[in-house]
Amino acid sequence: MNNDISIKIGNVKLKSPLIIGANDSILNFNTFEKIAKNTKLLGAFVTKSITFQPRMGNKDPIIAQLENNILVSSGIRNPGFQQMLEEIKKYNKSYSSPLLIASIAINPDTKCSQPEKELAEMALELYNNGTNVVELNLSCPNLNSSQIVADKSGEVLKIISYIKNEFAKKNIKNNVLIAKLAGNDMALLNSSKQAQEAEIDAITILPVLYATGFYTGLIKQLQSLPIGEPLLGNVQGTIYGGGLGPITRQLVINLKKNISVPIIASGGCLGGMNSSILEKTDGFMQTMLTGAIATEIVTPFYPFTQEKILEIDYIINNYLYILSKNKEYNVKLQNLSSI
């Protein structure tokens, strides 16, 4: 029985189908290194989404705990491309595993008439500095100044096609592009079809549920607030955690009926902040049974302490053990991977 759980995205191989998704913890080499030193089986991690120029994003707080979930409203806060590029270069020189996936996004503050040019320039610079896999964050739902790109007619196809054409001009053939797409069922279907037409290597899908909450003084938050104040400086944010897992899995199944591009599932797939190892393993197994090529996670390991990162190998080892003992499950996964 074959228990090799490595996967390929384009021509790049990952040790396992578990990926740490982009979030506000993954901004510098210290965090990159903490991940690399405390997990041997993680497939990859995605950097915080970066824009060409630094971006302040939304008002603090940008992250809050709500029951077993997290509320997020970052607005793509980041230090800008050049600073993040230095952090990425250090990692690529020091470590080859887990794979670093650099996430890049359009900065709506620049009002660039051709945002695909900015993305192409960043993608090329990343490739020239040892990064073979780039995620195009085309769906940030927490930008107050613009509609998310994936909801705009034809924009996903236009942007991906332009970047791929720029790589082709330079005869670069071993780069891998992933499109991160968020939204509801129909929005995801529309943007996913565009990504497939542009011959994207894979898509990461994320359901979007807007939510809010208020500080009562009963639950400790990352930042102290007056009682009655919204948990987020932006008031509204998006919610992530265990309740999203079943929704994400249904979205994967719906999309696979209409597209053939590999899908990375993201959004509550391994449970919430306080889920047990067993619950996280169960969520991982369930998500892989949808036919997703990989599972991208944030909430169960946020913030990314050493102790939480060490759990990742426990989960993957549990998964490997189940594969070795459960022939029926193993065969089901192999059949899904061939679809």
Protein backbone atom coordinates (compact mmCIF):
# COMPACT_ATOMS: atom_id res chain seq x y z
CA MET A 1 0.00 0.00 0.00
CA ASN A 2 1.41 3.38 -1.02
CA ASN A 3 1.44 5.84 1.87
CA ASP A 4 3.45 8.52 0.09
CA ILE A 5 1.49 11.70 0.83
CA SER A 6 3.70 14.07 -1.16
CA ILE A 7 1.85 16.14 -3.74
CA LYS A 8 2.78 18.10 -6.84
CA ILE A 9 1.55 21.56 -7.72
CA GLY A 10 2.70 22.24 -11.23
CA ASN A 11 6.22 20.86 -11.26
CA VAL A 12 6.92 21.54 -7.58
CA LYS A 13 6.73 18.76 -5.00
CA LEU A 14 5.50 19.21 -1.42
CA LYS A 15 6.17 16.66 1.35
CA SER A 16 2.53 16.59 2.38
CA PRO A 17 -0.82 18.19 1.49
CA LEU A 18 -0.86 20.39 4.61
CA ILE A 19 -0.05 24.09 4.13
CA ILE A 20 0.01 26.98 6.60
CA GLY A 21 -1.95 29.81 4.99
CA ALA A 22 -1.09 33.49 4.79
CA ASN A 23 -1.73 35.44 8.00
CA ASP A 24 -0.39 38.35 10.01
CA SER A 25 2.00 36.13 12.01
CA ILE A 26 4.03 35.16 8.94
CA LEU A 27 5.86 38.39 8.24
CA ASN A 28 9.54 37.75 8.93
CA PHE A 29 12.42 35.30 9.00
CA ASN A 30 11.99 34.56 12.72
CA THR A 31 8.55 33.08 12.09
CA PHE A 32 9.73 31.36 8.89
CA GLU A 33 12.58 29.77 10.83
CA LYS A 34 10.33 28.74 13.73
CA ILE A 35 8.13 26.85 11.27
CA ALA A 36 11.11 25.22 9.51
CA LYS A 37 12.72 24.07 12.76
CA ASN A 38 9.60 22.63 14.37
CA THR A 39 8.00 20.61 11.61
CA LYS A 40 9.46 17.99 9.30
CA LEU A 41 6.26 17.00 7.52
CA LEU A 42 4.54 20.31 6.67
CA GLY A 43 4.19 20.70 2.91
CA ALA A 44 4.51 24.48 2.69
CA PHE A 45 3.66 27.81 4.27
CA VAL A 46 2.39 30.99 2.66
CA THR A 47 3.81 34.38 3.58
CA LYS A 48 1.58 37.27 4.56
CA SER A 49 0.26 38.86 1.38
CA ILE A 50 2.58 41.61 0.20
CA THR A 51 1.90 44.68 -1.93
CA PHE A 52 4.44 46.60 -3.97
CA GLN A 53 4.37 49.57 -1.58
CA PRO A 54 3.91 49.27 2.22
CA ARG A 55 0.29 49.35 3.33
CA MET A 56 -1.10 50.36 6.73
CA GLY A 57 -4.29 48.40 6.23
CA ASN A 58 -7.25 48.73 8.55
CA LYS A 59 -7.38 50.32 11.99
CA ASP A 60 -6.32 48.24 15.03
CA PRO A 61 -7.31 45.75 16.28
CA ILE A 62 -7.13 43.72 13.09
CA ILE A 63 -7.50 40.29 14.75
CA ALA A 64 -9.77 39.16 17.59
CA GLN A 65 -10.81 35.89 19.19
CA LEU A 66 -14.49 35.08 19.01
CA GLU A 67 -15.45 31.82 20.75
CA ASN A 68 -13.45 29.11 18.92
CA ASN A 69 -12.86 31.32 15.89
CA ILE A 70 -10.89 34.37 14.87
CA LEU A 71 -12.18 37.60 13.35
CA VAL A 72 -9.79 39.18 10.85
CA SER A 73 -9.76 42.57 9.16
CA SER A 74 -6.18 43.26 8.16
CA GLY A 75 -6.80 45.06 4.89
CA ILE A 76 -3.52 43.58 3.57
CA ARG A 77 -1.39 45.35 6.17
CA ASN A 78 2.25 44.67 5.25
CA PRO A 79 5.71 46.30 5.18
CA GLY A 80 5.96 46.35 1.39
CA PHE A 81 7.63 44.19 -1.20
CA GLN A 82 11.28 45.14 -0.79
CA GLN A 83 11.37 44.48 2.96
CA MET A 84 9.54 41.17 2.62
CA LEU A 85 11.77 40.15 -0.28
CA GLU A 86 14.82 40.37 2.01
CA GLU A 87 13.09 38.08 4.55
CA ILE A 88 12.15 35.61 1.79
CA LYS A 89 15.69 35.61 0.34
CA LYS A 90 17.12 34.75 3.78
CA TYR A 91 14.75 31.81 4.12
CA ASN A 92 15.41 30.47 0.63
CA LYS A 93 19.15 30.53 1.30
CA SER A 94 18.80 28.77 4.67
CA TYR A 95 16.00 26.23 4.15
CA SER A 96 14.51 24.14 1.38
CA SER A 97 11.67 22.67 3.45
CA PRO A 98 8.90 23.38 4.10
CA LEU A 99 8.41 25.16 0.81
CA LEU A 100 7.90 28.91 1.07
CA ILE A 101 5.04 30.22 -1.06
CA ALA A 102 5.14 33.99 -1.47
CA SER A 103 1.76 35.70 -1.55
CA ILE A 104 1.42 38.94 -3.52
CA ALA A 105 -1.54 41.28 -3.82
CA ILE A 106 -2.64 44.48 -5.50
CA ASN A 107 -2.42 47.63 -3.38
CA PRO A 108 -5.65 49.57 -4.02
CA ASP A 109 -4.05 52.74 -2.59
CA THR A 110 -1.80 53.10 -5.64
CA LYS A 111 -4.80 53.29 -8.01
CA CYS A 112 -2.63 51.55 -10.60
CA SER A 113 -4.41 51.36 -13.98
CA GLN A 114 -2.64 48.10 -14.80
CA PRO A 115 -2.28 46.23 -11.49
CA GLU A 116 -1.20 43.09 -13.32
CA LYS A 117 2.10 44.84 -14.12
CA GLU A 118 2.88 45.29 -10.41
CA LEU A 119 2.04 41.65 -9.72
CA ALA A 120 4.16 40.46 -12.66
CA GLU A 121 7.13 42.55 -11.51
CA MET A 122 6.92 41.12 -7.98
CA ALA A 123 6.46 37.56 -9.25
CA LEU A 124 9.51 37.82 -11.51
CA GLU A 125 11.66 39.29 -8.73
CA LEU A 126 10.60 36.50 -6.37
CA TYR A 127 11.44 33.87 -8.97
CA ASN A 128 14.87 35.43 -9.54
CA ASN A 129 15.50 35.11 -5.80
CA GLY A 130 14.69 31.43 -5.41
CA THR A 131 10.91 31.41 -4.99
CA ASN A 132 9.30 29.01 -7.46
CA VAL A 133 5.72 29.16 -6.14
CA VAL A 134 3.78 32.42 -5.96
CA GLU A 135 0.24 32.89 -4.70
CA LEU A 136 -1.77 35.67 -6.35
CA ASN A 137 -4.11 36.97 -3.66
CA LEU A 138 -6.95 38.12 -5.89
CA SER A 139 -9.67 38.07 -3.26
CA CYS A 140 -8.89 40.05 -0.11
CA PRO A 141 -12.38 40.66 1.34
CA ASN A 142 -11.29 43.32 3.84
CA LEU A 143 -10.37 46.17 1.53
CA ASN A 144 -12.68 49.11 2.20
CA SER A 145 -11.43 51.08 -0.79
CA SER A 146 -12.18 48.62 -3.57
CA GLN A 147 -14.23 45.65 -4.59
CA ILE A 148 -12.30 42.38 -4.41
CA VAL A 149 -10.66 41.60 -7.74
CA ALA A 150 -12.20 38.14 -8.05
CA ASP A 151 -15.67 39.70 -8.18
CA LYS A 152 -14.79 41.95 -11.12
CA SER A 153 -15.76 40.66 -14.53
CA GLY A 154 -12.81 39.19 -16.43
CA GLU A 155 -10.12 40.50 -14.05
CA VAL A 156 -8.91 37.08 -12.86
CA LEU A 157 -8.37 35.86 -16.43
CA LYS A 158 -6.68 39.12 -17.43
CA ILE A 159 -4.25 39.21 -14.50
CA ILE A 160 -3.16 35.57 -14.61
CA SER A 161 -2.77 35.60 -18.40
CA TYR A 162 -0.63 38.73 -18.27
CA ILE A 163 1.72 37.30 -15.62
CA LYS A 164 2.08 33.97 -17.42
CA ASN A 165 2.83 35.83 -20.65
CA GLU A 166 5.58 37.86 -18.92
CA PHE A 167 7.19 34.63 -17.67
CA ALA A 168 6.94 33.13 -21.16
CA LYS A 169 8.70 36.16 -22.66
CA LYS A 170 11.66 35.42 -20.39
CA ASN A 171 11.46 31.69 -21.19
CA ILE A 172 10.78 30.84 -17.53
CA LYS A 173 9.00 27.49 -17.46
CA ASN A 174 9.34 26.09 -13.95
CA ASN A 175 7.43 28.74 -12.05
CA VAL A 176 4.16 27.83 -10.33
CA LEU A 177 1.24 30.21 -9.88
CA ILE A 178 -1.63 29.71 -7.43
CA ALA A 179 -4.69 31.98 -7.46
CA LYS A 180 -6.29 32.64 -4.07
CA LEU A 181 -10.01 33.13 -4.64
CA ALA A 182 -12.63 33.98 -2.03
CA GLY A 183 -16.36 34.42 -2.15
CA ASN A 184 -19.65 32.60 -2.23
CA ASP A 185 -20.58 29.68 -4.47
CA MET A 186 -21.29 31.60 -7.68
CA ALA A 187 -18.45 34.11 -7.28
CA LEU A 188 -15.98 31.27 -6.75
CA LEU A 189 -17.29 29.38 -9.76
CA ASN A 190 -16.93 32.43 -11.99
CA SER A 191 -13.42 33.32 -10.85
CA SER A 192 -12.28 29.67 -10.82
CA LYS A 193 -13.37 29.20 -14.43
CA GLN A 194 -11.37 32.29 -15.37
CA ALA A 195 -8.31 30.96 -13.53
CA GLN A 196 -8.63 27.63 -15.32
CA GLU A 197 -8.93 29.35 -18.70
CA ALA A 198 -5.71 31.21 -17.92
CA GLU A 199 -4.06 27.84 -17.15
CA ILE A 200 -3.35 28.50 -13.49
CA ASP A 201 -1.48 25.68 -11.72
CA ALA A 202 -3.87 25.56 -8.76
CA ILE A 203 -6.45 27.64 -6.91
CA THR A 204 -6.91 28.19 -3.19
CA ILE A 205 -10.55 28.72 -2.29
CA LEU A 206 -11.87 30.47 0.79
CA PRO A 207 -15.52 31.07 1.74
CA VAL A 208 -16.26 34.62 2.87
CA LEU A 209 -18.55 35.19 5.85
CA TYR A 210 -18.61 38.75 7.19
CA ALA A 211 -18.99 39.07 10.94
CA THR A 212 -18.51 41.35 13.93
CA GLY A 213 -18.27 41.22 17.72
CA PHE A 214 -17.99 43.49 20.77
CA TYR A 215 -15.71 43.57 23.81
CA THR A 216 -17.41 42.64 27.07
CA GLY A 217 -14.39 42.31 29.34
CA LEU A 218 -15.11 38.63 29.94
CA ILE A 219 -12.82 37.17 27.27
CA LYS A 220 -9.19 38.29 27.07
CA GLN A 221 -8.26 39.71 23.70
CA LEU A 222 -4.91 40.35 22.03
CA GLN A 223 -5.47 44.06 22.62
CA SER A 224 -7.25 45.74 25.55
CA LEU A 225 -10.44 47.61 24.66
CA PRO A 226 -13.13 49.65 26.41
CA ILE A 227 -16.24 47.59 27.19
CA GLY A 228 -18.78 47.87 24.39
CA GLU A 229 -16.22 48.62 21.67
CA PRO A 230 -16.15 46.52 18.49
CA LEU A 231 -13.54 43.77 18.59
CA LEU A 232 -12.12 45.03 15.30
CA GLY A 233 -11.06 48.55 14.48
CA ASN A 234 -12.79 48.14 11.14
CA VAL A 235 -15.93 46.88 13.00
CA GLN A 236 -16.62 44.33 10.25
CA GLY A 237 -14.27 41.50 9.39
CA THR A 238 -14.31 37.94 8.14
CA ILE A 239 -14.64 34.98 10.46
CA TYR A 240 -12.54 31.82 10.29
CA GLY A 241 -12.69 28.65 12.34
CA GLY A 242 -14.28 25.24 12.70
CA GLY A 243 -17.76 26.26 11.58
CA LEU A 244 -16.41 27.08 8.13
CA GLY A 245 -14.99 23.61 7.47
CA PRO A 246 -18.21 21.97 6.23
CA ILE A 247 -18.92 25.00 4.02
CA THR A 248 -15.44 24.89 2.49
CA ARG A 249 -15.72 21.17 1.82
CA GLN A 250 -19.06 21.64 0.06
CA LEU A 251 -17.57 24.42 -2.07
CA VAL A 252 -14.75 22.09 -3.16
CA ILE A 253 -17.24 19.41 -4.18
CA ASN A 254 -19.36 21.95 -6.09
CA LEU A 255 -16.35 23.36 -7.94
CA LYS A 256 -14.94 19.97 -8.88
CA LYS A 257 -18.11 19.30 -10.87
CA ASN A 258 -17.29 22.27 -13.09
CA ILE A 259 -13.51 22.68 -13.22
CA SER A 260 -10.49 20.39 -13.42
CA VAL A 261 -7.84 22.72 -11.97
CA PRO A 262 -6.36 21.43 -8.64
CA ILE A 263 -8.04 22.94 -5.58
CA ILE A 264 -6.45 23.82 -2.24
CA ALA A 265 -9.16 24.03 0.43
CA SER A 266 -8.94 26.79 3.04
CA GLY A 267 -11.32 27.94 5.76
CA GLY A 268 -12.00 26.02 8.97
CA CYS A 269 -10.81 22.72 7.53
CA LEU A 270 -9.00 21.58 10.70
CA GLY A 271 -11.38 23.14 13.19
CA GLY A 272 -11.05 26.13 15.47
CA MET A 273 -8.56 27.57 17.93
CA ASN A 274 -9.26 25.01 20.67
CA SER A 275 -9.72 21.89 18.56
CA SER A 276 -8.00 18.74 19.79
CA ILE A 277 -5.39 16.81 17.79
CA LEU A 278 -8.09 14.22 17.04
CA GLU A 279 -10.51 16.87 15.79
CA LYS A 280 -7.82 18.48 13.65
CA THR A 281 -6.87 15.12 12.13
CA ASP A 282 -10.53 14.37 11.45
CA GLY A 283 -10.99 17.73 9.73
CA PHE A 284 -7.89 17.14 7.62
CA MET A 285 -9.12 13.68 6.58
CA GLN A 286 -12.59 14.96 5.76
CA THR A 287 -11.21 17.76 3.61
CA MET A 288 -8.93 15.45 1.65
CA LEU A 289 -11.96 13.24 0.92
CA THR A 290 -13.50 16.10 -1.06
CA GLY A 291 -10.78 15.65 -3.67
CA ALA A 292 -8.85 18.79 -2.68
CA ILE A 293 -5.16 18.48 -3.58
CA ALA A 294 -4.16 20.11 -0.26
CA THR A 295 -5.55 21.78 2.85
CA GLU A 296 -4.50 25.26 3.94
CA ILE A 297 -4.81 26.16 7.62
CA VAL A 298 -4.45 29.16 9.94
CA THR A 299 -6.93 29.32 12.84
CA PRO A 300 -6.04 26.09 14.74
CA PHE A 301 -2.41 27.18 15.03
CA TYR A 302 -2.85 30.93 15.54
CA PRO A 303 -0.75 32.52 16.94
CA PHE A 304 2.06 30.33 15.62
CA THR A 305 3.87 29.36 18.80
CA GLN A 306 6.46 26.58 18.85
CA GLU A 307 4.05 24.31 20.76
CA LYS A 308 1.31 24.73 18.18
CA ILE A 309 3.65 24.19 15.25
CA LEU A 310 4.85 20.92 16.80
CA GLU A 311 1.26 19.67 16.60
CA ILE A 312 1.44 19.69 12.80
CA ASP A 313 3.68 16.62 12.62
CA TYR A 314 1.43 14.79 15.11
CA ILE A 315 -1.55 15.40 12.82
CA ILE A 316 0.28 14.29 9.68
CA ASN A 317 1.67 11.21 11.45
CA ASN A 318 -1.87 10.35 12.60
CA TYR A 319 -2.97 10.72 9.00
CA LEU A 320 -0.18 8.43 7.80
CA TYR A 321 -1.08 5.84 10.43
CA ILE A 322 -4.71 5.83 9.32
CA LEU A 323 -3.63 5.42 5.69
CA SER A 324 -1.51 2.42 6.65
CA LYS A 325 -4.32 0.77 8.64
CA ASN A 326 -7.38 1.69 6.60
CA LYS A 327 -7.26 0.26 3.10
CA GLU A 328 -10.73 1.56 2.21
CA TYR A 329 -9.82 5.14 3.08
CA ASN A 330 -6.51 4.89 1.23
CA VAL A 331 -8.16 3.56 -1.95
CA LYS A 332 -10.79 6.33 -1.77
CA LEU A 333 -8.06 8.99 -1.65
CA GLN A 334 -6.17 7.44 -4.54
CA ASN A 335 -9.35 7.36 -6.61
CA LEU A 336 -10.03 11.03 -5.83
CA SER A 337 -6.50 12.03 -6.81
CA SER A 338 -7.06 10.56 -10.27
CA ILE A 339 -10.22 12.61 -10.92
